[in-house]
Amino acid sequence: MLNFVLFGPPGAGKGTQSEKLIEKYQLIHISTGDLFRSHIKNQTALGQKVSALIAEGQLVPDGITIDMLEEEVNKTPDA
């Protein structure tokens, strides 16, 4: 299994670079922002926690982000 993690502030080019890596290496793309929006929209337990934190002006703790990522990765264990 090959994993890449791209870090950077908004507008740094993470999306642009990930598109190139996805195309070249046939990777699966996971965006934490997309995960947050999906969980909030679907009102999952994690999404409700994220909504409450954002409404209070707080950052989402790493533990919640990791839980969302772990759940998403486990959806395609053979990738």
Protein backbone atom coordinates (compact mmCIF):
# COMPACT_ATOMS: atom_id res chain seq x y z
CA MET A 1 0.00 0.00 0.00
CA LEU A 2 1.29 3.43 -0.96
CA ASN A 3 0.20 6.45 1.09
CA PHE A 4 0.86 10.14 0.54
CA VAL A 5 -0.15 12.86 2.96
CA LEU A 6 -0.10 16.45 1.75
CA PHE A 7 -0.08 19.21 4.36
CA GLY A 8 -0.33 22.92 3.83
CA PRO A 9 -2.44 26.01 4.32
CA PRO A 10 -5.41 26.84 2.12
CA GLY A 11 -4.30 27.79 -1.38
CA ALA A 12 -0.90 26.09 -1.11
CA GLY A 13 -1.62 23.73 -4.00
CA LYS A 14 -2.45 20.52 -2.15
CA GLY A 15 -5.42 19.86 -4.41
CA THR A 16 -3.48 20.60 -7.58
CA GLN A 17 -0.61 18.32 -6.60
CA SER A 18 -2.92 15.56 -5.38
CA GLU A 19 -4.72 15.52 -8.75
CA LYS A 20 -1.39 14.93 -10.49
CA LEU A 21 -0.39 12.15 -8.07
CA ILE A 22 -3.81 10.50 -8.33
CA GLU A 23 -3.61 10.44 -12.11
CA LYS A 24 -0.01 9.27 -12.31
CA TYR A 25 -0.21 6.53 -9.66
CA GLN A 26 -3.95 5.62 -9.79
CA LEU A 27 -4.43 6.54 -6.12
CA ILE A 28 -7.54 7.03 -4.02
CA HIS A 29 -7.96 10.60 -2.78
CA ILE A 30 -9.22 11.38 0.72
CA SER A 31 -9.77 15.01 1.71
CA THR A 32 -10.36 15.81 5.37
CA GLY A 33 -12.39 18.85 4.33
CA ASP A 34 -14.61 16.66 2.16
CA LEU A 35 -14.97 14.19 5.04
CA PHE A 36 -15.99 16.95 7.46
CA ARG A 37 -18.58 18.30 5.01
CA SER A 38 -19.98 14.82 4.31
CA HIS A 39 -20.30 13.92 7.99
CA ILE A 40 -21.91 17.29 8.78
CA LYS A 41 -24.34 16.98 5.86
CA ASN A 42 -25.29 13.41 6.83
CA GLN A 43 -25.52 14.35 10.51
CA THR A 44 -23.39 11.43 11.66
CA ALA A 45 -22.27 11.30 15.28
CA LEU A 46 -18.86 12.64 14.25
CA GLY A 47 -20.50 15.24 12.01
CA GLN A 48 -22.59 16.52 14.90
CA LYS A 49 -19.45 16.87 17.04
CA VAL A 50 -17.70 18.73 14.24
CA SER A 51 -20.71 21.03 13.71
CA ALA A 52 -20.83 21.90 17.40
CA LEU A 53 -17.11 22.64 17.52
CA ILE A 54 -17.20 24.80 14.41
CA ALA A 55 -20.25 26.69 15.72
CA GLU A 56 -18.24 27.48 18.86
CA GLY A 57 -15.32 28.70 16.75
CA GLN A 58 -13.08 25.83 17.84
CA LEU A 59 -10.75 23.67 15.79
CA VAL A 60 -11.62 20.03 15.24
CA PRO A 61 -9.39 17.88 17.48
CA ASP A 62 -7.01 15.43 15.83
CA GLY A 63 -8.85 12.49 17.38
CA ILE A 64 -12.06 13.26 15.50
CA THR A 65 -10.17 13.79 12.24
CA ILE A 66 -8.31 10.51 12.73
CA ASP A 67 -11.58 8.67 13.47
CA MET A 68 -13.06 9.99 10.21
CA LEU A 69 -9.94 9.08 8.23
CA GLU A 70 -9.77 5.60 9.76
CA GLU A 71 -13.41 4.98 8.87
CA GLU A 72 -12.82 6.12 5.29
CA VAL A 73 -9.65 4.06 4.83
CA ASN A 74 -11.42 0.96 6.13
CA LYS A 75 -14.03 1.31 3.38
CA THR A 76 -11.42 0.19 0.81
CA PRO A 77 -9.02 -2.10 2.71
CA ASP A 78 -7.53 -3.59 -0.48
CA ALA A 79 -6.57 -0.24 -2.00
